[in-house]
C-alpha atoms as a PDB file:
ATOM      1  CA  MET A   1     -72.303   8.682 -33.444  1.00  0.00           C
ATOM      2  CA  THR A   2     -72.889   6.034 -36.095  1.00  0.00           C
ATOM      3  CA  ASN A   3     -69.930   7.081 -38.300  1.00  0.00           C
ATOM      4  CA  GLU A   4     -67.126   6.802 -35.684  1.00  0.00           C
ATOM      5  CA  PRO A   5     -66.798   2.974 -35.657  1.00  0.00           C
ATOM      6  CA  VAL A   6     -66.575   2.962 -39.438  1.00  0.00           C
ATOM      7  CA  VAL A   7     -63.696   5.455 -39.375  1.00  0.00           C
ATOM      8  CA  ASN A   8     -61.865   3.444 -36.714  1.00  0.00           C
ATOM      9  CA  ASN A   9     -62.232   0.244 -38.714  1.00  0.00           C
ATOM     10  CA  MET A  10     -60.795   1.909 -41.807  1.00  0.00           C
ATOM     11  CA  GLU A  11     -57.820   3.208 -39.832  1.00  0.00           C
ATOM     12  CA  ASN A  12     -57.147  -0.247 -38.367  1.00  0.00           C
ATOM     13  CA  LYS A  13     -57.132  -1.794 -41.835  1.00  0.00           C
ATOM     14  CA  ASP A  14     -54.382   0.618 -42.868  1.00  0.00           C
ATOM     15  CA  LYS A  15     -52.278  -0.129 -39.800  1.00  0.00           C
ATOM     16  CA  PHE A  16     -52.372  -3.944 -39.777  1.00  0.00           C
ATOM     17  CA  VAL A  17     -51.475  -6.349 -42.556  1.00  0.00           C
ATOM     18  CA  ILE A  18     -52.380 -10.030 -42.504  1.00  0.00           C
ATOM     19  CA  ILE A  19     -49.227 -12.110 -43.074  1.00  0.00           C
ATOM     20  CA  GLY A  20     -50.678 -15.611 -43.174  1.00  0.00           C
ATOM     21  CA  ASN A  21     -49.449 -18.966 -41.900  1.00  0.00           C
ATOM     22  CA  ASP A  22     -46.117 -19.664 -43.613  1.00  0.00           C
ATOM     23  CA  ASP A  23     -44.469 -22.456 -41.603  1.00  0.00           C
ATOM     24  CA  ILE A  24     -41.056 -22.026 -43.234  1.00  0.00           C
ATOM     25  CA  ALA A  25     -40.974 -18.255 -42.685  1.00  0.00           C
ATOM     26  CA  SER A  26     -42.058 -18.635 -39.072  1.00  0.00           C
ATOM     27  CA  GLU A  27     -38.999 -20.822 -38.341  1.00  0.00           C
ATOM     28  CA  LYS A  28     -36.525 -18.208 -39.530  1.00  0.00           C
ATOM     29  CA  ILE A  29     -34.768 -16.244 -36.803  1.00  0.00           C
ATOM     30  CA  ILE A  30     -33.859 -12.724 -37.831  1.00  0.00           C
ATOM     31  CA  ALA A  31     -30.596 -12.013 -36.000  1.00  0.00           C
ATOM     32  CA  PRO A  32     -27.107 -10.863 -37.006  1.00  0.00           C
ATOM     33  CA  ARG A  33     -24.718 -13.701 -37.920  1.00  0.00           C
ATOM     34  CA  TYR A  34     -22.132 -14.404 -35.225  1.00  0.00           C
ATOM     35  CA  SER A  35     -18.520 -14.867 -36.266  1.00  0.00           C
ATOM     36  CA  TYR A  36     -16.178 -15.939 -33.469  1.00  0.00           C
ATOM     37  CA  TRP A  37     -12.956 -14.579 -34.988  1.00  0.00           C
ATOM     38  CA  ARG A  38     -14.653 -11.376 -36.089  1.00  0.00           C
ATOM     39  CA  SER A  39     -15.775 -10.854 -32.509  1.00  0.00           C
ATOM     40  CA  VAL A  40     -12.232 -11.614 -31.318  1.00  0.00           C
ATOM     41  CA  GLY A  41     -10.861  -8.968 -33.665  1.00  0.00           C
ATOM     42  CA  ARG A  42     -13.469  -6.424 -32.588  1.00  0.00           C
ATOM     43  CA  VAL A  43     -12.726  -6.909 -28.880  1.00  0.00           C
ATOM     44  CA  PHE A  44      -8.961  -7.012 -29.421  1.00  0.00           C
ATOM     45  CA  PHE A  45      -8.722  -3.843 -31.528  1.00  0.00           C
ATOM     46  CA  ARG A  46     -11.113  -2.002 -29.257  1.00  0.00           C
ATOM     47  CA  LYS A  47      -8.067  -1.215 -27.121  1.00  0.00           C
ATOM     48  CA  LYS A  48      -5.902   1.399 -28.806  1.00  0.00           C
ATOM     49  CA  LEU A  49      -2.909   0.130 -26.838  1.00  0.00           C
ATOM     50  CA  ASN A  50      -2.973  -3.111 -28.837  1.00  0.00           C
ATOM     51  CA  ILE A  51      -2.620  -1.220 -32.113  1.00  0.00           C
ATOM     52  CA  PHE A  52       0.369   0.663 -30.746  1.00  0.00           C
ATOM     53  CA  LEU A  53       1.964  -2.576 -29.503  1.00  0.00           C
ATOM     54  CA  ILE A  54       1.449  -4.308 -32.855  1.00  0.00           C
ATOM     55  CA  VAL A  55       3.017  -1.404 -34.737  1.00  0.00           C
ATOM     56  CA  ALA A  56       5.970  -1.339 -32.341  1.00  0.00           C
ATOM     57  CA  PHE A  57       6.511  -5.098 -32.653  1.00  0.00           C
ATOM     58  CA  ILE A  58       6.292  -4.970 -36.461  1.00  0.00           C
ATOM     59  CA  LEU A  59       8.896  -2.201 -36.513  1.00  0.00           C
ATOM     60  CA  ILE A  60      11.213  -4.284 -34.315  1.00  0.00           C
ATOM     61  CA  LEU A  61      10.687  -7.323 -36.556  1.00  0.00           C
ATOM     62  CA  LEU A  62      11.354  -5.343 -39.738  1.00  0.00           C
ATOM     63  CA  ALA A  63      14.459  -3.770 -38.274  1.00  0.00           C
ATOM     64  CA  SER A  64      15.727  -7.130 -36.994  1.00  0.00           C
ATOM     65  CA  PHE A  65      15.247  -8.971 -40.276  1.00  0.00           C
ATOM     66  CA  VAL A  66      15.820  -6.183 -42.825  1.00  0.00           C
ATOM     67  CA  VAL A  67      18.752  -4.249 -41.356  1.00  0.00           C
ATOM     68  CA  PRO A  68      21.119  -7.285 -41.283  1.00  0.00           C
ATOM     69  CA  VAL A  69      20.370  -7.961 -44.968  1.00  0.00           C
ATOM     70  CA  PHE A  70      21.430  -4.509 -46.159  1.00  0.00           C
ATOM     71  CA  CYS A  71      23.882  -3.827 -43.322  1.00  0.00           C
ATOM     72  CA  PRO A  72      25.801  -7.057 -42.593  1.00  0.00           C
ATOM     73  CA  TYR A  73      27.371  -7.195 -39.173  1.00  0.00           C
ATOM     74  CA  ASP A  74      31.082  -7.984 -38.871  1.00  0.00           C
ATOM     75  CA  PRO A  75      32.254  -8.009 -35.233  1.00  0.00           C
ATOM     76  CA  MET A  76      35.924  -8.199 -36.311  1.00  0.00           C
ATOM     77  CA  GLU A  77      36.024  -5.414 -38.891  1.00  0.00           C
ATOM     78  CA  ASN A  78      38.090  -3.086 -36.666  1.00  0.00           C
ATOM     79  CA  VAL A  79      39.752  -5.641 -34.399  1.00  0.00           C
ATOM     80  CA  THR A  80      43.230  -4.573 -35.573  1.00  0.00           C
ATOM     81  CA  ASN A  81      42.587  -0.891 -34.822  1.00  0.00           C
ATOM     82  CA  ALA A  82      42.735  -0.412 -31.053  1.00  0.00           C
ATOM     83  CA  ALA A  83      41.768   3.247 -31.411  1.00  0.00           C
ATOM     84  CA  THR A  84      38.214   2.210 -32.311  1.00  0.00           C
ATOM     85  CA  PHE A  85      37.606   0.095 -29.182  1.00  0.00           C
ATOM     86  CA  ASN A  86      34.806   1.203 -26.818  1.00  0.00           C
ATOM     87  CA  MET A  87      34.148   4.534 -28.520  1.00  0.00           C
ATOM     88  CA  SER A  88      31.176   6.592 -27.432  1.00  0.00           C
ATOM     89  CA  PRO A  89      28.576   7.509 -30.086  1.00  0.00           C
ATOM     90  CA  VAL A  90      29.920  11.070 -30.368  1.00  0.00           C
ATOM     91  CA  LYS A  91      33.530   9.943 -30.758  1.00  0.00           C
ATOM     92  CA  ALA A  92      32.607   7.172 -33.187  1.00  0.00           C
ATOM     93  CA  MET A  93      30.604   9.537 -35.401  1.00  0.00           C
ATOM     94  CA  ALA A  94      33.474  12.031 -35.393  1.00  0.00           C
ATOM     95  CA  TYR A  95      36.167   9.375 -35.978  1.00  0.00           C
ATOM     96  CA  PHE A  96      34.540   7.622 -38.925  1.00  0.00           C
ATOM     97  CA  GLY A  97      32.958  10.800 -40.273  1.00  0.00           C
ATOM     98  CA  LYS A  98      31.105  10.650 -43.559  1.00  0.00           C
ATOM     99  CA  SER A  99      32.994   7.604 -44.861  1.00  0.00           C
ATOM    100  CA  ALA A 100      30.514   5.215 -43.185  1.00  0.00           C
ATOM    101  CA  PRO A 101      26.704   4.928 -43.344  1.00  0.00           C
ATOM    102  CA  PRO A 102      25.074   7.585 -41.140  1.00  0.00           C
ATOM    103  CA  LEU A 103      23.478   5.178 -38.621  1.00  0.00           C
ATOM    104  CA  LYS A 104      26.269   2.630 -38.379  1.00  0.00           C
ATOM    105  CA  TRP A 105      28.085   4.302 -35.472  1.00  0.00           C
ATOM    106  CA  ILE A 106      25.125   6.101 -33.919  1.00  0.00           C
ATOM    107  CA  LEU A 107      25.334   3.825 -30.825  1.00  0.00           C
ATOM    108  CA  GLY A 108      29.136   3.803 -30.619  1.00  0.00           C
ATOM    109  CA  THR A 109      31.504   0.841 -30.827  1.00  0.00           C
ATOM    110  CA  GLY A 110      32.013  -2.310 -28.797  1.00  0.00           C
ATOM    111  CA  PRO A 111      35.093  -3.827 -27.154  1.00  0.00           C
ATOM    112  CA  GLN A 112      36.517  -4.853 -30.556  1.00  0.00           C
ATOM    113  CA  GLY A 113      35.566  -1.747 -32.502  1.00  0.00           C
ATOM    114  CA  ASN A 114      32.375  -3.377 -33.749  1.00  0.00           C
ATOM    115  CA  SER A 115      29.238  -1.399 -34.573  1.00  0.00           C
ATOM    116  CA  ILE A 116      26.724  -1.558 -31.719  1.00  0.00           C
ATOM    117  CA  PHE A 117      23.878  -0.540 -34.044  1.00  0.00           C
ATOM    118  CA  TYR A 118      24.487  -3.287 -36.603  1.00  0.00           C
ATOM    119  CA  GLY A 119      25.195  -5.849 -33.903  1.00  0.00           C
ATOM    120  CA  LEU A 120      22.019  -4.948 -32.035  1.00  0.00           C
ATOM    121  CA  PHE A 121      19.674  -5.925 -34.850  1.00  0.00           C
ATOM    122  CA  SER A 122      21.676  -8.986 -35.870  1.00  0.00           C
ATOM    123  CA  SER A 123      21.477 -10.132 -32.258  1.00  0.00           C
ATOM    124  CA  ALA A 124      17.746  -9.362 -32.064  1.00  0.00           C
ATOM    125  CA  LYS A 125      17.182 -11.444 -35.200  1.00  0.00           C
ATOM    126  CA  THR A 126      18.905 -14.445 -33.617  1.00  0.00           C
ATOM    127  CA  SER A 127      16.971 -14.126 -30.347  1.00  0.00           C
ATOM    128  CA  LEU A 128      13.614 -13.727 -32.121  1.00  0.00           C
ATOM    129  CA  LEU A 129      14.237 -16.698 -34.421  1.00  0.00           C
ATOM    130  CA  LEU A 130      15.250 -18.802 -31.442  1.00  0.00           C
ATOM    131  CA  ALA A 131      12.152 -17.843 -29.451  1.00  0.00           C
ATOM    132  CA  MET A 132       9.785 -18.440 -32.376  1.00  0.00           C
ATOM    133  CA  ALA A 133      11.308 -21.823 -33.224  1.00  0.00           C
ATOM    134  CA  CYS A 134      11.247 -23.049 -29.615  1.00  0.00           C
ATOM    135  CA  ALA A 135       7.688 -21.790 -29.034  1.00  0.00           C
ATOM    136  CA  ALA A 136       6.425 -23.378 -32.269  1.00  0.00           C
ATOM    137  CA  ILE A 137       7.983 -26.771 -31.470  1.00  0.00           C
ATOM    138  CA  ASN A 138       7.071 -26.898 -27.798  1.00  0.00           C
ATOM    139  CA  MET A 139       3.528 -25.609 -28.288  1.00  0.00           C
ATOM    140  CA  SER A 140       2.765 -27.958 -31.201  1.00  0.00           C
ATOM    141  CA  VAL A 141       4.154 -31.059 -29.494  1.00  0.00           C
ATOM    142  CA  GLY A 142       2.789 -30.041 -26.097  1.00  0.00           C
ATOM    143  CA  ILE A 143      -0.782 -29.452 -27.326  1.00  0.00           C
ATOM    144  CA  ILE A 144      -0.945 -32.697 -29.318  1.00  0.00           C
ATOM    145  CA  MET A 145       0.648 -34.824 -26.606  1.00  0.00           C
ATOM    146  CA  GLY A 146      -1.407 -33.113 -23.892  1.00  0.00           C
ATOM    147  CA  ALA A 147      -4.658 -33.785 -25.743  1.00  0.00           C
ATOM    148  CA  VAL A 148      -3.821 -37.490 -26.146  1.00  0.00           C
ATOM    149  CA  TRP A 149      -2.439 -37.631 -22.606  1.00  0.00           C
ATOM    150  CA  GLY A 150      -5.628 -36.277 -21.088  1.00  0.00           C
ATOM    151  CA  TYR A 151      -7.950 -38.456 -23.181  1.00  0.00           C
ATOM    152  CA  SER A 152      -6.201 -41.852 -23.093  1.00  0.00           C
ATOM    153  CA  LYS A 153      -6.003 -43.448 -19.646  1.00  0.00           C
ATOM    154  CA  LYS A 154      -3.345 -45.975 -20.717  1.00  0.00           C
ATOM    155  CA  PHE A 155      -1.143 -43.251 -22.136  1.00  0.00           C
ATOM    156  CA  ASP A 156      -1.767 -41.190 -19.013  1.00  0.00           C
ATOM    157  CA  ALA A 157      -0.313 -43.905 -16.756  1.00  0.00           C
ATOM    158  CA  VAL A 158       2.914 -44.082 -18.776  1.00  0.00           C
ATOM    159  CA  MET A 159       3.380 -40.331 -19.221  1.00  0.00           C
ATOM    160  CA  LEU A 160       2.834 -39.565 -15.554  1.00  0.00           C
ATOM    161  CA  VAL A 161       5.835 -41.719 -14.635  1.00  0.00           C
ATOM    162  CA  ILE A 162       8.019 -40.028 -17.279  1.00  0.00           C
ATOM    163  CA  TYR A 163       6.828 -36.561 -16.298  1.00  0.00           C
ATOM    164  CA  ASN A 164       7.467 -37.108 -12.586  1.00  0.00           C
ATOM    165  CA  ILE A 165      11.040 -38.159 -13.344  1.00  0.00           C
ATOM    166  CA  VAL A 166      11.787 -35.244 -15.694  1.00  0.00           C
ATOM    167  CA  ALA A 167       9.967 -32.638 -13.576  1.00  0.00           C
ATOM    168  CA  ASN A 168      12.190 -33.339 -10.590  1.00  0.00           C
ATOM    169  CA  VAL A 169      15.257 -32.209 -12.552  1.00  0.00           C
ATOM    170  CA  PRO A 170      15.624 -28.380 -12.675  1.00  0.00           C
ATOM    171  CA  TYR A 171      14.936 -27.217 -16.221  1.00  0.00           C
ATOM    172  CA  LEU A 172      17.879 -24.816 -16.399  1.00  0.00           C
ATOM    173  CA  LEU A 173      20.230 -27.502 -15.115  1.00  0.00           C
ATOM    174  CA  LEU A 174      18.966 -29.935 -17.737  1.00  0.00           C
ATOM    175  CA  VAL A 175      19.336 -27.369 -20.524  1.00  0.00           C
ATOM    176  CA  SER A 176      22.844 -26.484 -19.343  1.00  0.00           C
ATOM    177  CA  VAL A 177      23.951 -30.130 -19.377  1.00  0.00           C
ATOM    178  CA  LEU A 178      22.445 -30.677 -22.833  1.00  0.00           C
ATOM    179  CA  VAL A 179      24.188 -27.577 -24.207  1.00  0.00           C
ATOM    180  CA  TYR A 180      27.512 -28.890 -22.903  1.00  0.00           C
ATOM    181  CA  VAL A 181      26.848 -32.341 -24.394  1.00  0.00           C
ATOM    182  CA  VAL A 182      25.439 -31.484 -27.853  1.00  0.00           C
ATOM    183  CA  GLY A 183      27.270 -28.186 -28.357  1.00  0.00           C
ATOM    184  CA  SER A 184      26.368 -24.506 -28.375  1.00  0.00           C
ATOM    185  CA  GLY A 185      25.245 -24.029 -31.979  1.00  0.00           C
ATOM    186  CA  PHE A 186      21.885 -22.570 -32.961  1.00  0.00           C
ATOM    187  CA  GLY A 187      20.272 -25.929 -33.761  1.00  0.00           C
ATOM    188  CA  SER A 188      21.801 -27.566 -30.695  1.00  0.00           C
ATOM    189  CA  PHE A 189      20.470 -24.780 -28.476  1.00  0.00           C
ATOM    190  CA  ILE A 190      16.948 -25.249 -29.884  1.00  0.00           C
ATOM    191  CA  PHE A 191      17.246 -28.999 -29.294  1.00  0.00           C
ATOM    192  CA  ALA A 192      18.276 -28.429 -25.677  1.00  0.00           C
ATOM    193  CA  LEU A 193      15.334 -26.096 -25.044  1.00  0.00           C
ATOM    194  CA  THR A 194      12.725 -28.318 -26.708  1.00  0.00           C
ATOM    195  CA  ILE A 195      13.745 -31.883 -25.852  1.00  0.00           C
ATOM    196  CA  THR A 196      11.812 -31.700 -22.576  1.00  0.00           C
ATOM    197  CA  GLY A 197      10.308 -28.191 -22.747  1.00  0.00           C
ATOM    198  CA  TRP A 198       7.049 -29.495 -24.209  1.00  0.00           C
ATOM    199  CA  MET A 199       6.339 -31.723 -21.191  1.00  0.00           C
ATOM    200  CA  SER A 200       5.157 -28.953 -18.878  1.00  0.00           C
ATOM    201  CA  ILE A 201       2.857 -27.670 -21.632  1.00  0.00           C
ATOM    202  CA  ALA A 202       1.520 -31.174 -22.269  1.00  0.00           C
ATOM    203  CA  TYR A 203       0.884 -31.714 -18.549  1.00  0.00           C
ATOM    204  CA  PHE A 204      -0.999 -28.426 -18.342  1.00  0.00           C
ATOM    205  CA  PHE A 205      -3.188 -29.395 -21.321  1.00  0.00           C
ATOM    206  CA  ARG A 206      -3.717 -32.866 -19.873  1.00  0.00           C
ATOM    207  CA  THR A 207      -5.446 -31.247 -16.898  1.00  0.00           C
ATOM    208  CA  GLN A 208      -7.567 -29.014 -19.135  1.00  0.00           C
ATOM    209  CA  VAL A 209      -8.589 -31.892 -21.402  1.00  0.00           C
ATOM    210  CA  MET A 210      -9.566 -34.083 -18.450  1.00  0.00           C
ATOM    211  CA  ILE A 211     -11.952 -31.350 -17.325  1.00  0.00           C
ATOM    212  CA  ILE A 212     -13.670 -31.164 -20.723  1.00  0.00           C
ATOM    213  CA  ARG A 213     -13.590 -34.777 -21.929  1.00  0.00           C
ATOM    214  CA  ASP A 214     -16.448 -35.940 -19.646  1.00  0.00           C
ATOM    215  CA  ARG A 215     -18.866 -33.166 -20.515  1.00  0.00           C
ATOM    216  CA  GLU A 216     -22.206 -34.042 -22.085  1.00  0.00           C
ATOM    217  CA  TYR A 217     -21.408 -33.166 -25.692  1.00  0.00           C
ATOM    218  CA  SER A 218     -18.161 -35.170 -25.610  1.00  0.00           C
ATOM    219  CA  LEU A 219     -19.938 -38.190 -24.113  1.00  0.00           C
ATOM    220  CA  ALA A 220     -22.662 -37.877 -26.751  1.00  0.00           C
ATOM    221  CA  SER A 221     -20.052 -37.861 -29.514  1.00  0.00           C
ATOM    222  CA  ARG A 222     -18.433 -40.997 -28.108  1.00  0.00           C
ATOM    223  CA  CYS A 223     -21.826 -42.741 -27.852  1.00  0.00           C
ATOM    224  CA  LEU A 224     -22.479 -41.918 -31.519  1.00  0.00           C
ATOM    225  CA  GLY A 225     -19.213 -43.606 -32.472  1.00  0.00           C
ATOM    226  CA  THR A 226     -17.152 -40.504 -33.258  1.00  0.00           C
ATOM    227  CA  PRO A 227     -13.415 -41.359 -33.467  1.00  0.00           C
ATOM    228  CA  ILE A 228     -11.290 -40.110 -30.579  1.00  0.00           C
ATOM    229  CA  PRO A 229      -9.029 -37.871 -32.777  1.00  0.00           C
ATOM    230  CA  ARG A 230     -12.123 -36.109 -34.106  1.00  0.00           C
ATOM    231  CA  VAL A 231     -13.568 -35.666 -30.616  1.00  0.00           C
ATOM    232  CA  VAL A 232     -10.282 -34.137 -29.477  1.00  0.00           C
ATOM    233  CA  SER A 233      -9.908 -31.842 -32.519  1.00  0.00           C
ATOM    234  CA  LYS A 234     -13.556 -30.740 -32.735  1.00  0.00           C
ATOM    235  CA  ASN A 235     -14.912 -30.860 -29.183  1.00  0.00           C
ATOM    236  CA  ILE A 236     -11.940 -30.205 -26.932  1.00  0.00           C
ATOM    237  CA  LEU A 237      -9.188 -28.131 -28.571  1.00  0.00           C
ATOM    238  CA  PRO A 238     -11.496 -25.325 -29.902  1.00  0.00           C
ATOM    239  CA  PHE A 239     -12.753 -24.829 -26.358  1.00  0.00           C
ATOM    240  CA  LEU A 240      -9.161 -24.257 -25.225  1.00  0.00           C
ATOM    241  CA  THR A 241      -8.363 -21.475 -27.723  1.00  0.00           C
ATOM    242  CA  SER A 242      -8.047 -18.794 -25.074  1.00  0.00           C
ATOM    243  CA  VAL A 243      -5.913 -21.126 -22.929  1.00  0.00           C
ATOM    244  CA  ILE A 244      -3.575 -21.798 -25.869  1.00  0.00           C
ATOM    245  CA  VAL A 245      -3.179 -18.093 -26.587  1.00  0.00           C
ATOM    246  CA  THR A 246      -2.535 -17.329 -22.915  1.00  0.00           C
ATOM    247  CA  LEU A 247       0.152 -19.990 -22.733  1.00  0.00           C
ATOM    248  CA  LEU A 248       1.758 -18.802 -25.970  1.00  0.00           C
ATOM    249  CA  ALA A 249       1.878 -15.292 -24.504  1.00  0.00           C
ATOM    250  CA  THR A 250       4.165 -16.537 -21.759  1.00  0.00           C
ATOM    251  CA  GLU A 251       6.209 -18.949 -23.879  1.00  0.00           C
ATOM    252  CA  LEU A 252       7.622 -16.465 -26.411  1.00  0.00           C
ATOM    253  CA  PRO A 253       9.009 -13.960 -23.873  1.00  0.00           C
ATOM    254  CA  MET A 254      10.260 -16.834 -21.712  1.00  0.00           C
ATOM    255  CA  TYR A 255      12.574 -18.177 -24.434  1.00  0.00           C
ATOM    256  CA  ILE A 256      13.980 -14.727 -25.150  1.00  0.00           C
ATOM    257  CA  SER A 257      14.643 -14.248 -21.436  1.00  0.00           C
ATOM    258  CA  MET A 258      16.153 -17.725 -21.166  1.00  0.00           C
ATOM    259  CA  GLU A 259      18.493 -17.117 -24.104  1.00  0.00           C
ATOM    260  CA  VAL A 260      19.584 -13.825 -22.564  1.00  0.00           C
ATOM    261  CA  TYR A 261      20.151 -15.450 -19.167  1.00  0.00           C
ATOM    262  CA  LEU A 262      22.044 -18.504 -20.463  1.00  0.00           C
ATOM    263  CA  SER A 263      24.236 -16.368 -22.713  1.00  0.00           C
ATOM    264  CA  PHE A 264      24.759 -13.977 -19.811  1.00  0.00           C
ATOM    265  CA  ILE A 265      26.202 -16.754 -17.627  1.00  0.00           C
ATOM    266  CA  GLY A 266      28.290 -18.090 -20.512  1.00  0.00           C
ATOM    267  CA  ILE A 267      26.486 -21.289 -21.578  1.00  0.00           C
ATOM    268  CA  GLY A 268      24.296 -19.929 -24.351  1.00  0.00           C
ATOM    269  CA  LEU A 269      24.964 -19.721 -28.053  1.00  0.00           C
ATOM    270  CA  SER A 270      28.476 -19.959 -29.426  1.00  0.00           C
ATOM    271  CA  ALA A 271      30.671 -16.866 -29.662  1.00  0.00           C
ATOM    272  CA  THR A 272      30.305 -16.747 -33.461  1.00  0.00           C
ATOM    273  CA  ILE A 273      26.528 -16.233 -33.253  1.00  0.00           C
ATOM    274  CA  PRO A 274      25.424 -12.721 -32.227  1.00  0.00           C
ATOM    275  CA  SER A 275      22.583 -12.593 -29.732  1.00  0.00           C
ATOM    276  CA  LEU A 276      21.133 -10.144 -27.242  1.00  0.00           C
ATOM    277  CA  GLY A 277      22.297 -12.293 -24.350  1.00  0.00           C
ATOM    278  CA  ARG A 278      25.863 -12.375 -25.637  1.00  0.00           C
ATOM    279  CA  MET A 279      25.906  -8.593 -26.118  1.00  0.00           C
ATOM    280  CA  ILE A 280      24.716  -8.099 -22.547  1.00  0.00           C
ATOM    281  CA  SER A 281      27.207 -10.658 -21.266  1.00  0.00           C
ATOM    282  CA  GLN A 282      30.131  -8.938 -23.012  1.00  0.00           C
ATOM    283  CA  ALA A 283      29.140  -5.514 -21.669  1.00  0.00           C
ATOM    284  CA  GLN A 284      28.213  -6.516 -18.116  1.00  0.00           C
ATOM    285  CA  SER A 285      31.595  -5.644 -16.657  1.00  0.00           C
ATOM    286  CA  ALA A 286      31.668  -2.206 -18.273  1.00  0.00           C
ATOM    287  CA  PHE A 287      28.052  -1.055 -18.043  1.00  0.00           C
ATOM    288  CA  ARG A 288      29.122   1.964 -15.966  1.00  0.00           C
ATOM    289  CA  THR A 289      32.162   2.989 -17.985  1.00  0.00           C
ATOM    290  CA  PHE A 290      30.702   2.151 -21.431  1.00  0.00           C
ATOM    291  CA  PRO A 291      26.899   2.288 -20.956  1.00  0.00           C
ATOM    292  CA  TRP A 292      26.233   2.529 -24.719  1.00  0.00           C
ATOM    293  CA  GLU A 293      27.326  -1.120 -25.000  1.00  0.00           C
ATOM    294  CA  PHE A 294      25.085  -2.454 -22.222  1.00  0.00           C
ATOM    295  CA  TRP A 295      21.768  -0.600 -22.330  1.00  0.00           C
ATOM    296  CA  PRO A 296      20.726  -0.918 -26.029  1.00  0.00           C
ATOM    297  CA  PRO A 297      20.493  -4.760 -25.975  1.00  0.00           C
ATOM    298  CA  VAL A 298      18.851  -4.634 -22.538  1.00  0.00           C
ATOM    299  CA  LEU A 299      16.281  -2.149 -23.856  1.00  0.00           C
ATOM    300  CA  VAL A 300      15.489  -4.192 -26.988  1.00  0.00           C
ATOM    301  CA  ALA A 301      15.174  -7.456 -25.035  1.00  0.00           C
ATOM    302  CA  SER A 302      12.909  -5.763 -22.473  1.00  0.00           C
ATOM    303  CA  MET A 303      10.744  -4.145 -25.158  1.00  0.00           C
ATOM    304  CA  VAL A 304      10.228  -7.403 -27.055  1.00  0.00           C
ATOM    305  CA  THR A 305       9.409  -9.312 -23.863  1.00  0.00           C
ATOM    306  CA  ILE A 306       6.934  -6.707 -22.576  1.00  0.00           C
ATOM    307  CA  ILE A 307       5.245  -6.221 -25.986  1.00  0.00           C
ATOM    308  CA  LEU A 308       4.761  -9.960 -26.530  1.00  0.00           C
ATOM    309  CA  TYR A 309       3.461 -10.449 -23.007  1.00  0.00           C
ATOM    310  CA  LEU A 310       0.933  -7.604 -23.213  1.00  0.00           C
ATOM    311  CA  LEU A 311      -0.239  -8.626 -26.693  1.00  0.00           C
ATOM    312  CA  GLY A 312      -0.654 -12.215 -25.572  1.00  0.00           C
ATOM    313  CA  GLN A 313      -2.618 -11.296 -22.470  1.00  0.00           C
ATOM    314  CA  ASN A 314      -4.925  -8.947 -24.382  1.00  0.00           C
ATOM    315  CA  LEU A 315      -5.431 -11.520 -27.140  1.00  0.00           C
ATOM    316  CA  ALA A 316      -6.224 -14.157 -24.546  1.00  0.00           C
ATOM    317  CA  ASP A 317      -8.899 -11.878 -23.109  1.00  0.00           C
ATOM    318  CA  ALA A 318     -10.294 -11.273 -26.588  1.00  0.00           C
ATOM    319  CA  THR A 319     -10.533 -14.995 -27.359  1.00  0.00           C
ATOM    320  CA  ASP A 320     -12.708 -15.568 -24.313  1.00  0.00           C
ATOM    321  CA  PRO A 321     -16.322 -15.660 -25.650  1.00  0.00           C
ATOM    322  CA  ARG A 322     -17.559 -14.084 -22.427  1.00  0.00           C
ATOM    323  CA  THR A 323     -15.965 -10.793 -23.499  1.00  0.00           C
ATOM    324  CA  HIS A 324     -17.937 -10.724 -26.771  1.00  0.00           C
ATOM    325  CA  MET A 325     -21.169  -9.510 -25.198  1.00  0.00           C
END
């Protein structure tokens, strides 16, 4: 009876260790470090569909920018040979035989004996460059102007008047008039799409900034004398990351669709510049008799639009911190 407490005390000494009172050590929080962009990547790549979409988009990009370098497209190479006009893939492969590259005539020929395969990727390159340039310009200008617009009340009063005037004019009508005035070249077309295209983006960001600018941490920064540009860049814009990505997801496909539509109705890029819209426009009247001329550009334009939209939506979900739990 007298030995049991002694045994228990010895066992307790082995189980417990006295740490002591270290004030610095007691303030340390043992937890894994949180990285926002690492969490975004983890959530984004959790979906296997996103990996497939990225691979598909990279393949389209490589084909659009690499194929025209090694396989230059000449729409007039067979214009003097009427026998090569509107040939099906089987007839084109048999007609040109082994004298041409194996993939050049795999999609047949167009109305002037041109290679549909070479023209497809040259046209996709033009449409992708146009969409990227317009999205980069409109998003950059729209985000900066929207941030200032939503934060400065004096600037807000002026911009609201300008926006109300421009917003009442249909965007497609305005772009069409500008294309007629400045011309139908590549640079002119970008100018027509971006001269007022940033305003709707800026107005959207104005609303978002006005919601955030009066929150406690922004008011505290202003009370401490933080300059307005720093408040906007550090307190407001990082909070809108998911909003920016969501908007970009709709902007890129929109410009591709707009180029296709404007070229389809005959007011897009000039005839010397190949584009997906121009290919579709040229084949619209013969999509039943010569389907190999109509469906390839429609398929590529649809694939690029759907891939960019899905990637943008999934990336927008991944940039929302609430999905990082």
